[in-house]
């Protein structure tokens, strides 16, 4: 069982920084990323992490942007050595213009 703490650095090989970089290149104009977090995740068969990226939409319809971004990120080919993107979810936040992108990765 791995130990997790927000104060500890990511595990070696954790794809969080690479995901953030790839995501920032994929986002449409007008969407800015906030401070991201990740949390270890495990099931009976897999080990990985949940990566949460809050974002802010400067202009436009949040629902439409979230739907388009969901489709684009789901179809994207992610290059993460030793990891696979298992799921991507884009949701509108409770505040106007707030988005949240959650990416689930599993170790390959």
PDB file of N, CA and C in Angstrom:
ATOM      1  N   UNK A   1       0.845  -1.186   0.000  1.00  0.00           N
ATOM      2  CA  UNK A   1       0.000   0.000   0.000  1.00  0.00           C
ATOM      3  C   UNK A   1       0.881   1.236   0.000  1.00  0.00           C
ATOM      4  N   UNK A   2       0.634   2.155  -0.906  1.00  0.00           N
ATOM      5  CA  UNK A   2       1.451   3.357  -0.931  1.00  0.00           C
ATOM      6  C   UNK A   2       0.877   4.427  -0.028  1.00  0.00           C
ATOM      7  N   UNK A   3       1.764   5.209   0.547  1.00  0.00           N
ATOM      8  CA  UNK A   3       1.370   6.302   1.419  1.00  0.00           C
ATOM      9  C   UNK A   3       1.124   7.543   0.580  1.00  0.00           C
ATOM     10  N   UNK A   4       0.123   8.326   0.938  1.00  0.00           N
ATOM     11  CA  UNK A   4      -0.162   9.552   0.212  1.00  0.00           C
ATOM     12  C   UNK A   4      -0.309  10.705   1.180  1.00  0.00           C
ATOM     13  N   UNK A   5       0.239  11.833   0.795  1.00  0.00           N
ATOM     14  CA  UNK A   5       0.106  13.054   1.576  1.00  0.00           C
ATOM     15  C   UNK A   5       0.240  14.226   0.633  1.00  0.00           C
ATOM     16  N   UNK A   6      -0.551  15.295   0.831  1.00  0.00           N
ATOM     17  CA  UNK A   6      -0.401  16.455  -0.051  1.00  0.00           C
ATOM     18  C   UNK A   6       0.964  17.113   0.109  1.00  0.00           C
ATOM     19  N   UNK A   7       1.672  16.835   1.200  1.00  0.00           N
ATOM     20  CA  UNK A   7       2.978  17.439   1.430  1.00  0.00           C
ATOM     21  C   UNK A   7       4.112  16.648   0.773  1.00  0.00           C
ATOM     22  N   UNK A   8       3.861  15.377   0.460  1.00  0.00           N
ATOM     23  CA  UNK A   8       4.896  14.554  -0.145  1.00  0.00           C
ATOM     24  C   UNK A   8       4.970  14.786  -1.648  1.00  0.00           C
ATOM     25  N   UNK A   9       6.162  14.667  -2.233  1.00  0.00           N
ATOM     26  CA  UNK A   9       6.269  14.804  -3.688  1.00  0.00           C
ATOM     27  C   UNK A   9       5.617  13.605  -4.370  1.00  0.00           C
ATOM     28  N   UNK A  10       5.257  13.748  -5.649  1.00  0.00           N
ATOM     29  CA  UNK A  10       4.648  12.626  -6.358  1.00  0.00           C
ATOM     30  C   UNK A  10       5.609  11.431  -6.425  1.00  0.00           C
ATOM     31  N   UNK A  11       5.042  10.243  -6.576  1.00  0.00           N
ATOM     32  CA  UNK A  11       5.850   9.050  -6.737  1.00  0.00           C
ATOM     33  C   UNK A  11       6.667   9.154  -8.012  1.00  0.00           C
ATOM     34  N   UNK A  12       7.840   8.504  -8.067  1.00  0.00           N
ATOM     35  CA  UNK A  12       8.601   8.493  -9.315  1.00  0.00           C
ATOM     36  C   UNK A  12       7.748   7.904 -10.434  1.00  0.00           C
ATOM     37  N   UNK A  13       7.762   8.532 -11.568  1.00  0.00           N
ATOM     38  CA  UNK A  13       6.984   8.058 -12.703  1.00  0.00           C
ATOM     39  C   UNK A  13       5.548   8.532 -12.713  1.00  0.00           C
ATOM     40  N   UNK A  14       5.118   9.307 -11.717  1.00  0.00           N
ATOM     41  CA  UNK A  14       3.746   9.813 -11.696  1.00  0.00           C
ATOM     42  C   UNK A  14       3.543  10.755 -12.884  1.00  0.00           C
ATOM     43  N   UNK A  15       2.490  10.561 -13.667  1.00  0.00           N
ATOM     44  CA  UNK A  15       2.314  11.355 -14.887  1.00  0.00           C
ATOM     45  C   UNK A  15       1.626  12.703 -14.673  1.00  0.00           C
ATOM     46  N   UNK A  16       1.469  13.163 -13.431  1.00  0.00           N
ATOM     47  CA  UNK A  16       0.677  14.363 -13.181  1.00  0.00           C
ATOM     48  C   UNK A  16       1.218  15.597 -13.913  1.00  0.00           C
ATOM     49  N   UNK A  17       2.504  15.847 -13.815  1.00  0.00           N
ATOM     50  CA  UNK A  17       3.077  17.030 -14.483  1.00  0.00           C
ATOM     51  C   UNK A  17       2.945  16.922 -15.996  1.00  0.00           C
ATOM     52  N   UNK A  18       3.171  15.738 -16.538  1.00  0.00           N
ATOM     53  CA  UNK A  18       3.038  15.554 -17.992  1.00  0.00           C
ATOM     54  C   UNK A  18       1.591  15.736 -18.424  1.00  0.00           C
ATOM     55  N   UNK A  19       0.657  15.212 -17.649  1.00  0.00           N
ATOM     56  CA  UNK A  19      -0.762  15.408 -17.955  1.00  0.00           C
ATOM     57  C   UNK A  19      -1.109  16.896 -17.976  1.00  0.00           C
ATOM     58  N   UNK A  20      -0.635  17.624 -16.983  1.00  0.00           N
ATOM     59  CA  UNK A  20      -0.912  19.065 -16.916  1.00  0.00           C
ATOM     60  C   UNK A  20      -0.359  19.778 -18.147  1.00  0.00           C
ATOM     61  N   UNK A  21       0.836  19.419 -18.557  1.00  0.00           N
ATOM     62  CA  UNK A  21       1.446  20.030 -19.737  1.00  0.00           C
ATOM     63  C   UNK A  21       0.641  19.706 -20.995  1.00  0.00           C
ATOM     64  N   UNK A  22       0.291  18.430 -21.179  1.00  0.00           N
ATOM     65  CA  UNK A  22      -0.494  18.034 -22.354  1.00  0.00           C
ATOM     66  C   UNK A  22      -1.875  18.677 -22.354  1.00  0.00           C
ATOM     67  N   UNK A  23      -2.482  18.752 -21.182  1.00  0.00           N
ATOM     68  CA  UNK A  23      -3.806  19.355 -21.063  1.00  0.00           C
ATOM     69  C   UNK A  23      -3.764  20.847 -21.394  1.00  0.00           C
ATOM     70  N   UNK A  24      -2.754  21.546 -20.894  1.00  0.00           N
ATOM     71  CA  UNK A  24      -2.627  22.982 -21.161  1.00  0.00           C
ATOM     72  C   UNK A  24      -2.479  23.248 -22.655  1.00  0.00           C
ATOM     73  N   UNK A  25      -1.818  22.348 -23.377  1.00  0.00           N
ATOM     74  CA  UNK A  25      -1.663  22.518 -24.832  1.00  0.00           C
ATOM     75  C   UNK A  25      -2.958  22.216 -25.583  1.00  0.00           C
ATOM     76  N   UNK A  26      -3.830  21.414 -24.997  1.00  0.00           N
ATOM     77  CA  UNK A  26      -5.068  20.986 -25.654  1.00  0.00           C
ATOM     78  C   UNK A  26      -6.232  21.943 -25.417  1.00  0.00           C
ATOM     79  N   UNK A  27      -6.213  22.666 -24.302  1.00  0.00           N
ATOM     80  CA  UNK A  27      -7.344  23.531 -23.945  1.00  0.00           C
ATOM     81  C   UNK A  27      -7.578  24.634 -24.977  1.00  0.00           C
ATOM     82  N   UNK A  28      -8.836  24.964 -25.239  1.00  0.00           N
ATOM     83  CA  UNK A  28      -9.135  26.058 -26.165  1.00  0.00           C
ATOM     84  C   UNK A  28      -8.777  27.408 -25.550  1.00  0.00           C
ATOM     85  N   UNK A  29      -8.659  28.411 -26.404  1.00  0.00           N
ATOM     86  CA  UNK A  29      -8.399  29.764 -25.918  1.00  0.00           C
ATOM     87  C   UNK A  29      -9.521  30.186 -24.983  1.00  0.00           C
ATOM     88  N   UNK A  30      -9.166  30.888 -23.933  1.00  0.00           N
ATOM     89  CA  UNK A  30     -10.165  31.358 -22.985  1.00  0.00           C
ATOM     90  C   UNK A  30     -10.357  30.453 -21.787  1.00  0.00           C
ATOM     91  N   UNK A  31      -9.682  29.291 -21.773  1.00  0.00           N
ATOM     92  CA  UNK A  31      -9.755  28.390 -20.622  1.00  0.00           C
ATOM     93  C   UNK A  31      -8.379  28.358 -19.960  1.00  0.00           C
ATOM     94  N   UNK A  32      -8.339  28.695 -18.669  1.00  0.00           N
ATOM     95  CA  UNK A  32      -7.086  28.703 -17.919  1.00  0.00           C
ATOM     96  C   UNK A  32      -7.155  27.669 -16.807  1.00  0.00           C
ATOM     97  N   UNK A  33      -6.054  26.956 -16.599  1.00  0.00           N
ATOM     98  CA  UNK A  33      -5.992  25.961 -15.526  1.00  0.00           C
ATOM     99  C   UNK A  33      -5.620  26.617 -14.200  1.00  0.00           C
ATOM    100  N   UNK A  34      -6.200  26.097 -13.136  1.00  0.00           N
ATOM    101  CA  UNK A  34      -5.852  26.523 -11.782  1.00  0.00           C
ATOM    102  C   UNK A  34      -4.880  25.528 -11.169  1.00  0.00           C
ATOM    103  N   UNK A  35      -4.736  25.595  -9.864  1.00  0.00           N
ATOM    104  CA  UNK A  35      -3.851  24.672  -9.145  1.00  0.00           C
ATOM    105  C   UNK A  35      -4.446  23.266  -9.168  1.00  0.00           C
ATOM    106  N   UNK A  36      -3.686  22.306  -9.644  1.00  0.00           N
ATOM    107  CA  UNK A  36      -4.188  20.946  -9.785  1.00  0.00           C
ATOM    108  C   UNK A  36      -3.734  20.069  -8.627  1.00  0.00           C
ATOM    109  N   UNK A  37      -4.456  18.981  -8.450  1.00  0.00           N
ATOM    110  CA  UNK A  37      -4.124  18.013  -7.412  1.00  0.00           C
ATOM    111  C   UNK A  37      -4.269  16.607  -7.983  1.00  0.00           C
ATOM    112  N   UNK A  38      -3.697  15.652  -7.283  1.00  0.00           N
ATOM    113  CA  UNK A  38      -3.928  14.261  -7.646  1.00  0.00           C
ATOM    114  C   UNK A  38      -3.996  13.444  -6.376  1.00  0.00           C
ATOM    115  N   UNK A  39      -4.646  12.313  -6.484  1.00  0.00           N
ATOM    116  CA  UNK A  39      -4.820  11.437  -5.338  1.00  0.00           C
ATOM    117  C   UNK A  39      -4.699   9.989  -5.817  1.00  0.00           C
ATOM    118  N   UNK A  40      -3.923   9.176  -5.117  1.00  0.00           N
ATOM    119  CA  UNK A  40      -3.812   7.772  -5.507  1.00  0.00           C
ATOM    120  C   UNK A  40      -5.185   7.093  -5.545  1.00  0.00           C
ATOM    121  N   UNK A  41      -5.302   6.143  -6.452  1.00  0.00           N
ATOM    122  CA  UNK A  41      -6.554   5.421  -6.641  1.00  0.00           C
ATOM    123  C   UNK A  41      -6.197   3.953  -6.873  1.00  0.00           C
ATOM    124  N   UNK A  42      -7.025   3.071  -6.390  1.00  0.00           N
ATOM    125  CA  UNK A  42      -6.792   1.644  -6.627  1.00  0.00           C
ATOM    126  C   UNK A  42      -8.118   0.903  -6.654  1.00  0.00           C
ATOM    127  N   UNK A  43      -8.159  -0.141  -7.453  1.00  0.00           N
ATOM    128  CA  UNK A  43      -9.300  -1.058  -7.457  1.00  0.00           C
ATOM    129  C   UNK A  43      -8.733  -2.443  -7.157  1.00  0.00           C
ATOM    130  N   UNK A  44      -9.535  -3.456  -7.300  1.00  0.00           N
ATOM    131  CA  UNK A  44      -9.060  -4.805  -7.025  1.00  0.00           C
ATOM    132  C   UNK A  44      -7.953  -5.224  -7.995  1.00  0.00           C
ATOM    133  N   UNK A  45      -7.979  -4.663  -9.216  1.00  0.00           N
ATOM    134  CA  UNK A  45      -7.028  -5.098 -10.237  1.00  0.00           C
ATOM    135  C   UNK A  45      -6.032  -4.039 -10.682  1.00  0.00           C
ATOM    136  N   UNK A  46      -6.297  -2.774 -10.395  1.00  0.00           N
ATOM    137  CA  UNK A  46      -5.473  -1.700 -10.944  1.00  0.00           C
ATOM    138  C   UNK A  46      -5.029  -0.717  -9.869  1.00  0.00           C
ATOM    139  N   UNK A  47      -3.902  -0.064 -10.145  1.00  0.00           N
ATOM    140  CA  UNK A  47      -3.389   1.004  -9.293  1.00  0.00           C
ATOM    141  C   UNK A  47      -3.162   2.211 -10.184  1.00  0.00           C
ATOM    142  N   UNK A  48      -3.512   3.382  -9.684  1.00  0.00           N
ATOM    143  CA  UNK A  48      -3.322   4.586 -10.480  1.00  0.00           C
ATOM    144  C   UNK A  48      -3.562   5.823  -9.650  1.00  0.00           C
ATOM    145  N   UNK A  49      -4.077   6.865 -10.308  1.00  0.00           N
ATOM    146  CA  UNK A  49      -4.323   8.129  -9.618  1.00  0.00           C
ATOM    147  C   UNK A  49      -5.455   8.890 -10.287  1.00  0.00           C
ATOM    148  N   UNK A  50      -6.148   9.690  -9.483  1.00  0.00           N
ATOM    149  CA  UNK A  50      -7.168  10.628  -9.974  1.00  0.00           C
ATOM    150  C   UNK A  50      -6.491  11.995 -10.028  1.00  0.00           C
ATOM    151  N   UNK A  51      -6.479  12.609 -11.202  1.00  0.00           N
ATOM    152  CA  UNK A  51      -5.853  13.910 -11.406  1.00  0.00           C
ATOM    153  C   UNK A  51      -6.962  14.931 -11.622  1.00  0.00           C
ATOM    154  N   UNK A  52      -7.004  15.947 -10.788  1.00  0.00           N
ATOM    155  CA  UNK A  52      -8.083  16.938 -10.839  1.00  0.00           C
ATOM    156  C   UNK A  52      -7.497  18.285 -11.239  1.00  0.00           C
ATOM    157  N   UNK A  53      -8.032  18.834 -12.324  1.00  0.00           N
ATOM    158  CA  UNK A  53      -7.556  20.095 -12.874  1.00  0.00           C
ATOM    159  C   UNK A  53      -8.724  21.090 -12.911  1.00  0.00           C
ATOM    160  N   UNK A  54      -8.773  22.035 -11.979  1.00  0.00           N
ATOM    161  CA  UNK A  54      -9.809  23.056 -12.046  1.00  0.00           C
ATOM    162  C   UNK A  54      -9.441  24.073 -13.126  1.00  0.00           C
ATOM    163  N   UNK A  55     -10.454  24.610 -13.764  1.00  0.00           N
ATOM    164  CA  UNK A  55     -10.220  25.600 -14.806  1.00  0.00           C
ATOM    165  C   UNK A  55     -11.224  26.715 -14.728  1.00  0.00           C
ATOM    166  N   UNK A  56     -10.899  27.799 -15.413  1.00  0.00           N
ATOM    167  CA  UNK A  56     -11.775  28.963 -15.471  1.00  0.00           C
ATOM    168  C   UNK A  56     -11.998  29.310 -16.929  1.00  0.00           C
ATOM    169  N   UNK A  57     -13.250  29.481 -17.292  1.00  0.00           N
ATOM    170  CA  UNK A  57     -13.633  29.852 -18.649  1.00  0.00           C
ATOM    171  C   UNK A  57     -13.869  31.354 -18.684  1.00  0.00           C
ATOM    172  N   UNK A  58     -13.103  32.069 -19.511  1.00  0.00           N
ATOM    173  CA  UNK A  58     -13.201  33.529 -19.566  1.00  0.00           C
ATOM    174  C   UNK A  58     -14.524  33.978 -20.200  1.00  0.00           C
ATOM    175  N   UNK A  59     -14.876  33.414 -21.326  1.00  0.00           N
ATOM    176  CA  UNK A  59     -16.115  33.782 -22.017  1.00  0.00           C
ATOM    177  C   UNK A  59     -16.737  32.541 -22.631  1.00  0.00           C
ATOM    178  N   UNK A  60     -18.016  32.611 -22.930  1.00  0.00           N
ATOM    179  CA  UNK A  60     -18.691  31.516 -23.614  1.00  0.00           C
ATOM    180  C   UNK A  60     -19.609  30.734 -22.699  1.00  0.00           C
ATOM    181  N   UNK A  61     -20.304  29.801 -23.312  1.00  0.00           N
ATOM    182  CA  UNK A  61     -21.248  28.941 -22.614  1.00  0.00           C
ATOM    183  C   UNK A  61     -20.487  27.776 -21.981  1.00  0.00           C
ATOM    184  N   UNK A  62     -20.497  27.691 -20.667  1.00  0.00           N
ATOM    185  CA  UNK A  62     -19.762  26.659 -19.953  1.00  0.00           C
ATOM    186  C   UNK A  62     -20.183  25.252 -20.330  1.00  0.00           C
ATOM    187  N   UNK A  63     -21.493  25.023 -20.494  1.00  0.00           N
ATOM    188  CA  UNK A  63     -21.994  23.694 -20.850  1.00  0.00           C
ATOM    189  C   UNK A  63     -21.492  23.271 -22.220  1.00  0.00           C
ATOM    190  N   UNK A  64     -21.536  24.187 -23.190  1.00  0.00           N
ATOM    191  CA  UNK A  64     -21.091  23.870 -24.546  1.00  0.00           C
ATOM    192  C   UNK A  64     -19.590  23.605 -24.583  1.00  0.00           C
ATOM    193  N   UNK A  65     -18.819  24.432 -23.888  1.00  0.00           N
ATOM    194  CA  UNK A  65     -17.366  24.249 -23.844  1.00  0.00           C
ATOM    195  C   UNK A  65     -17.023  22.937 -23.148  1.00  0.00           C
ATOM    196  N   UNK A  66     -17.710  22.625 -22.054  1.00  0.00           N
ATOM    197  CA  UNK A  66     -17.454  21.376 -21.326  1.00  0.00           C
ATOM    198  C   UNK A  66     -17.766  20.163 -22.198  1.00  0.00           C
ATOM    199  N   UNK A  67     -18.861  20.206 -22.938  1.00  0.00           N
ATOM    200  CA  UNK A  67     -19.226  19.081 -23.811  1.00  0.00           C
ATOM    201  C   UNK A  67     -18.206  18.902 -24.929  1.00  0.00           C
ATOM    202  N   UNK A  68     -17.782  20.009 -25.546  1.00  0.00           N
ATOM    203  CA  UNK A  68     -16.797  19.929 -26.626  1.00  0.00           C
ATOM    204  C   UNK A  68     -15.450  19.442 -26.097  1.00  0.00           C
ATOM    205  N   UNK A  69     -15.063  19.946 -24.935  1.00  0.00           N
ATOM    206  CA  UNK A  69     -13.796  19.547 -24.336  1.00  0.00           C
ATOM    207  C   UNK A  69     -13.835  18.084 -23.909  1.00  0.00           C
ATOM    208  N   UNK A  70     -14.968  17.629 -23.390  1.00  0.00           N
ATOM    209  CA  UNK A  70     -15.130  16.215 -23.018  1.00  0.00           C
ATOM    210  C   UNK A  70     -14.902  15.327 -24.239  1.00  0.00           C
ATOM    211  N   UNK A  71     -15.529  15.674 -25.352  1.00  0.00           N
ATOM    212  CA  UNK A  71     -15.378  14.876 -26.577  1.00  0.00           C
ATOM    213  C   UNK A  71     -13.928  14.889 -27.063  1.00  0.00           C
ATOM    214  N   UNK A  72     -13.290  16.057 -27.041  1.00  0.00           N
ATOM    215  CA  UNK A  72     -11.911  16.168 -27.522  1.00  0.00           C
ATOM    216  C   UNK A  72     -10.934  15.391 -26.639  1.00  0.00           C
ATOM    217  N   UNK A  73     -11.074  15.527 -25.319  1.00  0.00           N
ATOM    218  CA  UNK A  73     -10.148  14.856 -24.403  1.00  0.00           C
ATOM    219  C   UNK A  73     -10.362  13.348 -24.371  1.00  0.00           C
ATOM    220  N   UNK A  74     -11.589  12.907 -24.543  1.00  0.00           N
ATOM    221  CA  UNK A  74     -11.877  11.467 -24.574  1.00  0.00           C
ATOM    222  C   UNK A  74     -11.254  10.821 -25.800  1.00  0.00           C
ATOM    223  N   UNK A  75     -11.264  11.541 -26.917  1.00  0.00           N
ATOM    224  CA  UNK A  75     -10.719  11.007 -28.163  1.00  0.00           C
ATOM    225  C   UNK A  75      -9.203  11.179 -28.274  1.00  0.00           C
ATOM    226  N   UNK A  76      -8.597  11.974 -27.402  1.00  0.00           N
ATOM    227  CA  UNK A  76      -7.161  12.274 -27.486  1.00  0.00           C
ATOM    228  C   UNK A  76      -6.314  11.035 -27.222  1.00  0.00           C
ATOM    229  N   UNK A  77      -5.168  10.977 -27.875  1.00  0.00           N
ATOM    230  CA  UNK A  77      -4.173   9.931 -27.634  1.00  0.00           C
ATOM    231  C   UNK A  77      -3.169  10.484 -26.638  1.00  0.00           C
ATOM    232  N   UNK A  78      -3.168   9.954 -25.430  1.00  0.00           N
ATOM    233  CA  UNK A  78      -2.284  10.421 -24.367  1.00  0.00           C
ATOM    234  C   UNK A  78      -1.014   9.596 -24.366  1.00  0.00           C
ATOM    235  N   UNK A  79       0.148  10.260 -24.340  1.00  0.00           N
ATOM    236  CA  UNK A  79       1.432   9.586 -24.292  1.00  0.00           C
ATOM    237  C   UNK A  79       1.993   9.723 -22.878  1.00  0.00           C
ATOM    238  N   UNK A  80       1.780   8.690 -22.090  1.00  0.00           N
ATOM    239  CA  UNK A  80       2.229   8.678 -20.697  1.00  0.00           C
ATOM    240  C   UNK A  80       2.993   7.390 -20.450  1.00  0.00           C
ATOM    241  N   UNK A  81       4.329   7.437 -20.472  1.00  0.00           N
ATOM    242  CA  UNK A  81       5.102   6.213 -20.267  1.00  0.00           C
ATOM    243  C   UNK A  81       4.735   5.511 -18.954  1.00  0.00           C
ATOM    244  N   UNK A  82       4.352   4.239 -19.060  1.00  0.00           N
ATOM    245  CA  UNK A  82       4.032   3.446 -17.882  1.00  0.00           C
ATOM    246  C   UNK A  82       2.627   3.646 -17.339  1.00  0.00           C
ATOM    247  N   UNK A  83       1.820   4.483 -17.997  1.00  0.00           N
ATOM    248  CA  UNK A  83       0.460   4.758 -17.526  1.00  0.00           C
ATOM    249  C   UNK A  83      -0.507   4.814 -18.705  1.00  0.00           C
ATOM    250  N   UNK A  84      -1.761   4.561 -18.398  1.00  0.00           N
ATOM    251  CA  UNK A  84      -2.835   4.618 -19.391  1.00  0.00           C
ATOM    252  C   UNK A  84      -3.928   5.519 -18.849  1.00  0.00           C
ATOM    253  N   UNK A  85      -4.472   6.373 -19.712  1.00  0.00           N
ATOM    254  CA  UNK A  85      -5.626   7.188 -19.315  1.00  0.00           C
ATOM    255  C   UNK A  85      -6.858   6.310 -19.430  1.00  0.00           C
ATOM    256  N   UNK A  86      -7.506   6.055 -18.304  1.00  0.00           N
ATOM    257  CA  UNK A  86      -8.672   5.170 -18.265  1.00  0.00           C
ATOM    258  C   UNK A  86      -9.981   5.935 -18.436  1.00  0.00           C
ATOM    259  N   UNK A  87     -10.035   7.171 -17.951  1.00  0.00           N
ATOM    260  CA  UNK A  87     -11.287   7.924 -18.012  1.00  0.00           C
ATOM    261  C   UNK A  87     -10.995   9.423 -17.937  1.00  0.00           C
ATOM    262  N   UNK A  88     -11.832  10.189 -18.615  1.00  0.00           N
ATOM    263  CA  UNK A  88     -11.747  11.651 -18.582  1.00  0.00           C
ATOM    264  C   UNK A  88     -13.157  12.185 -18.372  1.00  0.00           C
ATOM    265  N   UNK A  89     -13.311  13.107 -17.416  1.00  0.00           N
ATOM    266  CA  UNK A  89     -14.612  13.729 -17.150  1.00  0.00           C
ATOM    267  C   UNK A  89     -14.414  15.234 -17.073  1.00  0.00           C
ATOM    268  N   UNK A  90     -15.243  15.975 -17.808  1.00  0.00           N
ATOM    269  CA  UNK A  90     -15.223  17.442 -17.759  1.00  0.00           C
ATOM    270  C   UNK A  90     -16.587  17.889 -17.256  1.00  0.00           C
ATOM    271  N   UNK A  91     -16.598  18.673 -16.182  1.00  0.00           N
ATOM    272  CA  UNK A  91     -17.848  19.147 -15.585  1.00  0.00           C
ATOM    273  C   UNK A  91     -17.804  20.650 -15.400  1.00  0.00           C
ATOM    274  N   UNK A  92     -18.975  21.257 -15.450  1.00  0.00           N
ATOM    275  CA  UNK A  92     -19.087  22.676 -15.118  1.00  0.00           C
ATOM    276  C   UNK A  92     -19.152  22.798 -13.603  1.00  0.00           C
ATOM    277  N   UNK A  93     -18.461  23.805 -13.085  1.00  0.00           N
ATOM    278  CA  UNK A  93     -18.478  24.035 -11.648  1.00  0.00           C
ATOM    279  C   UNK A  93     -19.732  24.773 -11.218  1.00  0.00           C
ATOM    280  N   UNK A  94     -19.875  24.959  -9.921  1.00  0.00           N
ATOM    281  CA  UNK A  94     -21.056  25.651  -9.396  1.00  0.00           C
ATOM    282  C   UNK A  94     -20.989  27.151  -9.648  1.00  0.00           C
ATOM    283  N   UNK A  95     -19.779  27.696  -9.760  1.00  0.00           N
ATOM    284  CA  UNK A  95     -19.636  29.121 -10.048  1.00  0.00           C
ATOM    285  C   UNK A  95     -19.621  29.351 -11.549  1.00  0.00           C
ATOM    286  N   UNK A  96     -20.022  30.523 -11.955  1.00  0.00           N
ATOM    287  CA  UNK A  96     -20.049  30.866 -13.381  1.00  0.00           C
ATOM    288  C   UNK A  96     -18.631  30.818 -13.958  1.00  0.00           C
ATOM    289  N   UNK A  97     -18.472  30.097 -15.047  1.00  0.00           N
ATOM    290  CA  UNK A  97     -17.184  30.003 -15.718  1.00  0.00           C
ATOM    291  C   UNK A  97     -16.226  28.984 -15.139  1.00  0.00           C
ATOM    292  N   UNK A  98     -16.642  28.248 -14.120  1.00  0.00           N
ATOM    293  CA  UNK A  98     -15.759  27.251 -13.506  1.00  0.00           C
ATOM    294  C   UNK A  98     -15.912  25.902 -14.213  1.00  0.00           C
ATOM    295  N   UNK A  99     -14.796  25.275 -14.494  1.00  0.00           N
ATOM    296  CA  UNK A  99     -14.760  23.937 -15.074  1.00  0.00           C
ATOM    297  C   UNK A  99     -13.891  23.047 -14.198  1.00  0.00           C
ATOM    298  N   UNK A 100     -14.144  21.762 -14.231  1.00  0.00           N
ATOM    299  CA  UNK A 100     -13.267  20.805 -13.559  1.00  0.00           C
ATOM    300  C   UNK A 100     -13.020  19.645 -14.489  1.00  0.00           C
ATOM    301  N   UNK A 101     -11.761  19.341 -14.677  1.00  0.00           N
ATOM    302  CA  UNK A 101     -11.358  18.219 -15.526  1.00  0.00           C
ATOM    303  C   UNK A 101     -10.732  17.171 -14.609  1.00  0.00           C
ATOM    304  N   UNK A 102     -11.263  15.964 -14.668  1.00  0.00           N
ATOM    305  CA  UNK A 102     -10.724  14.873 -13.865  1.00  0.00           C
ATOM    306  C   UNK A 102     -10.273  13.773 -14.803  1.00  0.00           C
ATOM    307  N   UNK A 103      -9.030  13.345 -14.621  1.00  0.00           N
ATOM    308  CA  UNK A 103      -8.443  12.298 -15.472  1.00  0.00           C
ATOM    309  C   UNK A 103      -8.001  11.160 -14.555  1.00  0.00           C
ATOM    310  N   UNK A 104      -8.454   9.955 -14.873  1.00  0.00           N
ATOM    311  CA  UNK A 104      -8.074   8.762 -14.116  1.00  0.00           C
ATOM    312  C   UNK A 104      -7.000   8.032 -14.907  1.00  0.00           C
ATOM    313  N   UNK A 105      -5.857   7.816 -14.281  1.00  0.00           N
ATOM    314  CA  UNK A 105      -4.792   7.056 -14.922  1.00  0.00           C
ATOM    315  C   UNK A 105      -4.563   5.755 -14.147  1.00  0.00           C
ATOM    316  N   UNK A 106      -4.163   4.724 -14.865  1.00  0.00           N
ATOM    317  CA  UNK A 106      -3.793   3.453 -14.239  1.00  0.00           C
ATOM    318  C   UNK A 106      -2.391   3.094 -14.706  1.00  0.00           C
ATOM    319  N   UNK A 107      -1.656   2.417 -13.818  1.00  0.00           N
ATOM    320  CA  UNK A 107      -0.302   1.997 -14.161  1.00  0.00           C
ATOM    321  C   UNK A 107      -0.368   0.849 -15.141  1.00  0.00           C
ATOM    322  N   UNK A 108       0.482   0.932 -16.140  1.00  0.00           N
ATOM    323  CA  UNK A 108       0.510  -0.067 -17.211  1.00  0.00           C
ATOM    324  C   UNK A 108       1.302  -1.280 -16.773  1.00  0.00           C
TER     325      UNK A 108
END
